[in-house]
PDB file of N, CA and C in Angstrom:
ATOM      1  N   MET A   1      81.907  99.923 110.760  1.00  0.00           N
ATOM      2  CA  MET A   1      83.316  99.361 110.508  1.00  0.00           C
ATOM      3  C   MET A   1      83.879 100.561 109.797  1.00  0.00           C
ATOM      4  N   LYS A   2      85.063 101.010 109.815  1.00  0.00           N
ATOM      5  CA  LYS A   2      85.817 101.889 109.513  1.00  0.00           C
ATOM      6  C   LYS A   2      86.648 101.172 108.217  1.00  0.00           C
ATOM      7  N   VAL A   3      86.419 102.219 106.999  1.00  0.00           N
ATOM      8  CA  VAL A   3      86.962 101.313 105.810  1.00  0.00           C
ATOM      9  C   VAL A   3      88.449 101.995 105.296  1.00  0.00           C
ATOM     10  N   ILE A   4      89.118 101.540 104.856  1.00  0.00           N
ATOM     11  CA  ILE A   4      90.548 101.577 104.787  1.00  0.00           C
ATOM     12  C   ILE A   4      90.788 102.097 103.541  1.00  0.00           C
ATOM     13  N   GLU A   5      90.800 103.375 103.007  1.00  0.00           N
ATOM     14  CA  GLU A   5      90.883 104.127 101.639  1.00  0.00           C
ATOM     15  C   GLU A   5      91.753 103.267 100.693  1.00  0.00           C
ATOM     16  N   TRP A   6      92.972 103.358 101.262  1.00  0.00           N
ATOM     17  CA  TRP A   6      94.159 102.583 100.436  1.00  0.00           C
ATOM     18  C   TRP A   6      94.393 101.273 100.051  1.00  0.00           C
ATOM     19  N   THR A   7      93.188 100.515 100.428  1.00  0.00           N
ATOM     20  CA  THR A   7      92.490  99.043 100.219  1.00  0.00           C
ATOM     21  C   THR A   7      91.436  98.922  99.577  1.00  0.00           C
ATOM     22  N   ASP A   8      91.303 100.006  98.797  1.00  0.00           N
ATOM     23  CA  ASP A   8      89.716  99.440  97.955  1.00  0.00           C
ATOM     24  C   ASP A   8      88.680  99.194  98.363  1.00  0.00           C
ATOM     25  N   GLY A   9      88.239  99.897  99.709  1.00  0.00           N
ATOM     26  CA  GLY A   9      87.294  99.359 100.068  1.00  0.00           C
ATOM     27  C   GLY A   9      87.080  98.502 101.515  1.00  0.00           C
ATOM     28  N   ILE A  10      87.998  97.633 101.697  1.00  0.00           N
ATOM     29  CA  ILE A  10      87.970  96.269 102.685  1.00  0.00           C
ATOM     30  C   ILE A  10      88.061  96.994 104.041  1.00  0.00           C
ATOM     31  N   THR A  11      87.392  96.465 105.034  1.00  0.00           N
ATOM     32  CA  THR A  11      87.715  96.872 106.062  1.00  0.00           C
ATOM     33  C   THR A  11      88.850  96.915 107.023  1.00  0.00           C
ATOM     34  N   ALA A  12      89.097  97.718 107.989  1.00  0.00           N
ATOM     35  CA  ALA A  12      90.454  97.266 108.636  1.00  0.00           C
ATOM     36  C   ALA A  12      90.403  95.752 109.443  1.00  0.00           C
ATOM     37  N   GLU A  13      89.121  95.627 110.090  1.00  0.00           N
ATOM     38  CA  GLU A  13      88.951  94.155 110.351  1.00  0.00           C
ATOM     39  C   GLU A  13      89.455  93.043 109.434  1.00  0.00           C
ATOM     40  N   GLN A  14      89.362  93.353 108.068  1.00  0.00           N
ATOM     41  CA  GLN A  14      89.490  92.220 106.635  1.00  0.00           C
ATOM     42  C   GLN A  14      91.145  92.104 106.601  1.00  0.00           C
ATOM     43  N   TYR A  15      91.430  93.515 106.645  1.00  0.00           N
ATOM     44  CA  TYR A  15      92.961  93.811 106.337  1.00  0.00           C
ATOM     45  C   TYR A  15      93.723  92.923 107.221  1.00  0.00           C
ATOM     46  N   GLU A  16      93.202  93.244 108.684  1.00  0.00           N
ATOM     47  CA  GLU A  16      94.210  92.693 109.956  1.00  0.00           C
ATOM     48  C   GLU A  16      93.894  91.106 109.653  1.00  0.00           C
ATOM     49  N   LYS A  17      92.683  90.454 109.681  1.00  0.00           N
ATOM     50  CA  LYS A  17      92.531  89.082 109.101  1.00  0.00           C
ATOM     51  C   LYS A  17      93.413  88.505 107.973  1.00  0.00           C
ATOM     52  N   MET A  18      93.289  89.032 106.574  1.00  0.00           N
ATOM     53  CA  MET A  18      94.429  88.297 105.677  1.00  0.00           C
ATOM     54  C   MET A  18      95.789  88.896 106.177  1.00  0.00           C
ATOM     55  N   LEU A  19      96.171  89.581 106.553  1.00  0.00           N
ATOM     56  CA  LEU A  19      97.507  89.552 107.358  1.00  0.00           C
ATOM     57  C   LEU A  19      97.970  88.818 108.257  1.00  0.00           C
ATOM     58  N   ALA A  20      97.025  88.481 109.437  1.00  0.00           N
ATOM     59  CA  ALA A  20      97.336  87.314 109.791  1.00  0.00           C
ATOM     60  C   ALA A  20      97.324  86.112 109.375  1.00  0.00           C
ATOM     61  N   ASP A  21      96.574  85.748 108.316  1.00  0.00           N
ATOM     62  CA  ASP A  21      96.596  84.362 107.356  1.00  0.00           C
ATOM     63  C   ASP A  21      97.729  84.742 106.698  1.00  0.00           C
ATOM     64  N   GLN A  22      98.239  85.654 106.462  1.00  0.00           N
ATOM     65  CA  GLN A  22      99.395  85.522 105.691  1.00  0.00           C
ATOM     66  C   GLN A  22     100.774  85.063 106.620  1.00  0.00           C
ATOM     67  N   ASN A  23     100.273  85.062 107.735  1.00  0.00           N
ATOM     68  CA  ASN A  23     101.813  85.431 108.825  1.00  0.00           C
ATOM     69  C   ASN A  23     102.458  86.496 108.737  1.00  0.00           C
ATOM     70  N   GLY A  24     101.845  87.551 108.784  1.00  0.00           N
ATOM     71  CA  GLY A  24     102.232  89.064 108.405  1.00  0.00           C
ATOM     72  C   GLY A  24     103.283  89.042 107.498  1.00  0.00           C
ATOM     73  N   ARG A  25     103.149  88.436 106.175  1.00  0.00           N
ATOM     74  CA  ARG A  25     104.194  88.752 105.261  1.00  0.00           C
ATOM     75  C   ARG A  25     103.622  88.759 103.839  1.00  0.00           C
ATOM     76  N   CYS A  26     104.061  88.973 102.819  1.00  0.00           N
ATOM     77  CA  CYS A  26     103.640  89.422 101.311  1.00  0.00           C
ATOM     78  C   CYS A  26     103.383  88.207 100.724  1.00  0.00           C
ATOM     79  N   ALA A  27     101.947  88.081 100.076  1.00  0.00           N
ATOM     80  CA  ALA A  27     101.382  86.917  99.458  1.00  0.00           C
ATOM     81  C   ALA A  27     102.784  86.223  98.114  1.00  0.00           C
ATOM     82  N   ILE A  28     103.444  86.871  97.804  1.00  0.00           N
ATOM     83  CA  ILE A  28     104.219  86.719  96.430  1.00  0.00           C
ATOM     84  C   ILE A  28     105.637  86.101  97.507  1.00  0.00           C
ATOM     85  N   CYS A  29     106.300  87.100  97.415  1.00  0.00           N
ATOM     86  CA  CYS A  29     107.876  87.045  98.411  1.00  0.00           C
ATOM     87  C   CYS A  29     107.806  86.583  99.428  1.00  0.00           C
ATOM     88  N   LYS A  30     107.090  86.438 100.204  1.00  0.00           N
ATOM     89  CA  LYS A  30     106.697  86.014 101.867  1.00  0.00           C
ATOM     90  C   LYS A  30     108.028  87.087 102.524  1.00  0.00           C
ATOM     91  N   THR A  31     108.080  88.207 102.089  1.00  0.00           N
ATOM     92  CA  THR A  31     109.032  89.047 103.158  1.00  0.00           C
ATOM     93  C   THR A  31     108.146  89.672 104.165  1.00  0.00           C
ATOM     94  N   SER A  32     108.784  90.308 105.270  1.00  0.00           N
ATOM     95  CA  SER A  32     107.748  90.659 106.407  1.00  0.00           C
ATOM     96  C   SER A  32     108.313  92.300 106.292  1.00  0.00           C
ATOM     97  N   LYS A  33     109.112  92.784 105.103  1.00  0.00           N
ATOM     98  CA  LYS A  33     109.523  94.318 105.136  1.00  0.00           C
ATOM     99  C   LYS A  33     108.831  94.711 103.975  1.00  0.00           C
ATOM    100  N   PHE A  34     107.531  95.417 104.390  1.00  0.00           N
ATOM    101  CA  PHE A  34     106.870  95.710 103.577  1.00  0.00           C
ATOM    102  C   PHE A  34     106.898  96.949 102.555  1.00  0.00           C
ATOM    103  N   GLY A  35     107.959  98.188 102.889  1.00  0.00           N
ATOM    104  CA  GLY A  35     108.334  99.307 102.250  1.00  0.00           C
ATOM    105  C   GLY A  35     107.182  99.940 102.229  1.00  0.00           C
ATOM    106  N   GLY A  36     107.423 101.319 100.941  1.00  0.00           N
ATOM    107  CA  GLY A  36     106.415 102.332 100.847  1.00  0.00           C
ATOM    108  C   GLY A  36     106.261 103.296 101.379  1.00  0.00           C
ATOM    109  N   MET A  37     105.840 104.040 101.435  1.00  0.00           N
ATOM    110  CA  MET A  37     105.180 105.397 102.274  1.00  0.00           C
ATOM    111  C   MET A  37     104.711 104.919 103.793  1.00  0.00           C
ATOM    112  N   GLY A  38     103.456 104.090 103.338  1.00  0.00           N
ATOM    113  CA  GLY A  38     102.533 103.868 104.437  1.00  0.00           C
ATOM    114  C   GLY A  38     103.245 102.735 105.154  1.00  0.00           C
ATOM    115  N   LYS A  39     104.219 101.711 104.967  1.00  0.00           N
ATOM    116  CA  LYS A  39     104.731 101.182 105.571  1.00  0.00           C
ATOM    117  C   LYS A  39     103.346  99.661 105.733  1.00  0.00           C
ATOM    118  N   ARG A  40     102.856  99.841 104.446  1.00  0.00           N
ATOM    119  CA  ARG A  40     101.673  98.542 104.542  1.00  0.00           C
ATOM    120  C   ARG A  40     101.382  97.550 103.672  1.00  0.00           C
ATOM    121  N   LEU A  41     101.079  96.566 103.501  1.00  0.00           N
ATOM    122  CA  LEU A  41     101.199  95.983 102.512  1.00  0.00           C
ATOM    123  C   LEU A  41      99.905  96.287 101.306  1.00  0.00           C
ATOM    124  N   HIS A  42     100.010  96.174 100.125  1.00  0.00           N
ATOM    125  CA  HIS A  42      98.930  96.361  99.171  1.00  0.00           C
ATOM    126  C   HIS A  42      97.948  95.227  99.186  1.00  0.00           C
ATOM    127  N   LEU A  43      96.894  95.751  99.020  1.00  0.00           N
ATOM    128  CA  LEU A  43      95.698  94.806  98.317  1.00  0.00           C
ATOM    129  C   LEU A  43      95.807  94.498  96.976  1.00  0.00           C
ATOM    130  N   ASP A  44      96.338  93.086  96.573  1.00  0.00           N
ATOM    131  CA  ASP A  44      96.379  92.656  95.271  1.00  0.00           C
ATOM    132  C   ASP A  44      94.955  92.051  94.677  1.00  0.00           C
ATOM    133  N   HIS A  45      94.670  92.585  93.971  1.00  0.00           N
ATOM    134  CA  HIS A  45      93.346  92.399  93.322  1.00  0.00           C
ATOM    135  C   HIS A  45      93.181  92.149  92.015  1.00  0.00           C
ATOM    136  N   ASN A  46      92.395  91.498  91.386  1.00  0.00           N
ATOM    137  CA  ASN A  46      91.864  91.577  89.837  1.00  0.00           C
ATOM    138  C   ASN A  46      91.278  92.609  89.232  1.00  0.00           C
ATOM    139  N   HIS A  47      91.762  93.689  88.438  1.00  0.00           N
ATOM    140  CA  HIS A  47      90.962  95.087  87.967  1.00  0.00           C
ATOM    141  C   HIS A  47      90.020  94.768  87.466  1.00  0.00           C
ATOM    142  N   GLU A  48      90.153  93.287  86.773  1.00  0.00           N
ATOM    143  CA  GLU A  48      88.532  93.394  85.927  1.00  0.00           C
ATOM    144  C   GLU A  48      87.254  92.779  86.941  1.00  0.00           C
ATOM    145  N   THR A  49      87.789  91.868  87.391  1.00  0.00           N
ATOM    146  CA  THR A  49      86.759  91.086  88.120  1.00  0.00           C
ATOM    147  C   THR A  49      86.585  91.667  89.933  1.00  0.00           C
ATOM    148  N   ASN A  50      87.568  92.493  90.471  1.00  0.00           N
ATOM    149  CA  ASN A  50      87.568  92.798  92.032  1.00  0.00           C
ATOM    150  C   ASN A  50      87.676  91.872  92.411  1.00  0.00           C
ATOM    151  N   GLU A  51      88.319  90.535  92.135  1.00  0.00           N
ATOM    152  CA  GLU A  51      89.024  89.372  93.443  1.00  0.00           C
ATOM    153  C   GLU A  51      89.932  89.979  93.849  1.00  0.00           C
ATOM    154  N   VAL A  52      90.157  89.955  95.064  1.00  0.00           N
ATOM    155  CA  VAL A  52      91.253  90.035  95.959  1.00  0.00           C
ATOM    156  C   VAL A  52      92.077  88.630  96.226  1.00  0.00           C
ATOM    157  N   ARG A  53      93.222  89.035  95.720  1.00  0.00           N
ATOM    158  CA  ARG A  53      94.233  87.655  95.870  1.00  0.00           C
ATOM    159  C   ARG A  53      95.174  87.594  96.884  1.00  0.00           C
ATOM    160  N   GLY A  54      95.503  88.866  97.655  1.00  0.00           N
ATOM    161  CA  GLY A  54      96.249  88.924  98.879  1.00  0.00           C
ATOM    162  C   GLY A  54      96.565  90.218  99.142  1.00  0.00           C
ATOM    163  N   LEU A  55      97.646  90.028 100.155  1.00  0.00           N
ATOM    164  CA  LEU A  55      98.415  91.289 100.383  1.00  0.00           C
ATOM    165  C   LEU A  55      99.632  91.331 100.200  1.00  0.00           C
ATOM    166  N   ILE A  56     100.411  92.438  99.429  1.00  0.00           N
ATOM    167  CA  ILE A  56     101.481  92.378  98.842  1.00  0.00           C
ATOM    168  C   ILE A  56     102.165  93.549  99.011  1.00  0.00           C
ATOM    169  N   CYS A  57     103.695  93.200  99.021  1.00  0.00           N
ATOM    170  CA  CYS A  57     104.759  94.487  99.381  1.00  0.00           C
ATOM    171  C   CYS A  57     105.145  95.128  98.358  1.00  0.00           C
ATOM    172  N   SER A  58     105.681  96.606  98.700  1.00  0.00           N
ATOM    173  CA  SER A  58     105.731  97.314  97.502  1.00  0.00           C
ATOM    174  C   SER A  58     106.584  96.936  96.215  1.00  0.00           C
ATOM    175  N   GLY A  59     107.303  95.949  96.504  1.00  0.00           N
ATOM    176  CA  GLY A  59     108.330  95.649  95.351  1.00  0.00           C
ATOM    177  C   GLY A  59     107.424  94.615  94.857  1.00  0.00           C
ATOM    178  N   CYS A  60     106.369  93.625  95.214  1.00  0.00           N
ATOM    179  CA  CYS A  60     106.153  93.025  94.318  1.00  0.00           C
ATOM    180  C   CYS A  60     104.612  93.416  93.627  1.00  0.00           C
ATOM    181  N   ASN A  61     104.433  94.716  94.549  1.00  0.00           N
ATOM    182  CA  ASN A  61     103.538  95.559  93.501  1.00  0.00           C
ATOM    183  C   ASN A  61     104.179  96.280  92.063  1.00  0.00           C
ATOM    184  N   ARG A  62     105.109  96.958  92.513  1.00  0.00           N
ATOM    185  CA  ARG A  62     105.604  97.746  91.246  1.00  0.00           C
ATOM    186  C   ARG A  62     106.129  96.469  90.277  1.00  0.00           C
ATOM    187  N   GLY A  63     106.849  95.356  90.422  1.00  0.00           N
ATOM    188  CA  GLY A  63     106.765  94.210  89.993  1.00  0.00           C
ATOM    189  C   GLY A  63     105.497  93.749  89.338  1.00  0.00           C
ATOM    190  N   LEU A  64     104.580  94.092  89.505  1.00  0.00           N
ATOM    191  CA  LEU A  64     103.162  93.143  88.948  1.00  0.00           C
ATOM    192  C   LEU A  64     102.939  94.567  88.079  1.00  0.00           C
ATOM    193  N   VAL A  65     103.075  95.742  88.334  1.00  0.00           N
ATOM    194  CA  VAL A  65     102.716  96.995  87.453  1.00  0.00           C
ATOM    195  C   VAL A  65     103.472  96.948  86.405  1.00  0.00           C
ATOM    196  N   THR A  66     104.754  96.942  86.419  1.00  0.00           N
ATOM    197  CA  THR A  66     105.919  96.701  85.474  1.00  0.00           C
ATOM    198  C   THR A  66     105.444  95.985  84.568  1.00  0.00           C
ATOM    199  N   SER A  67     105.569  94.560  85.077  1.00  0.00           N
ATOM    200  CA  SER A  67     105.041  93.378  83.783  1.00  0.00           C
ATOM    201  C   SER A  67     103.802  93.818  83.109  1.00  0.00           C
ATOM    202  N   LYS A  68     102.724  94.821  83.829  1.00  0.00           N
ATOM    203  CA  LYS A  68     101.832  94.971  82.709  1.00  0.00           C
ATOM    204  C   LYS A  68     101.644  96.149  81.843  1.00  0.00           C
ATOM    205  N   THR A  69     102.728  96.666  81.922  1.00  0.00           N
ATOM    206  CA  THR A  69     103.066  97.720  81.351  1.00  0.00           C
ATOM    207  C   THR A  69     104.287  97.487  80.404  1.00  0.00           C
ATOM    208  N   ALA A  70     104.972  96.277  80.146  1.00  0.00           N
ATOM    209  CA  ALA A  70     106.119  96.517  79.705  1.00  0.00           C
ATOM    210  C   ALA A  70     105.472  95.699  78.058  1.00  0.00           C
TER     211      ALA A  70
END
């Protein structure tokens, strides 16, 4: 299985399944426009436990990072 580097070690198959389970949309805002350089959703996960929460767009990912540093 090929591991997708930018998704913290999940496989391409796992990414595609998660994307299908989310109907091709961001888990937070439900957009189908991913944004960002790679035009892919980011893997949202708990940085302490590594529990995966879902795939999120660049806008929501930036919002989460900003809220943690504010």
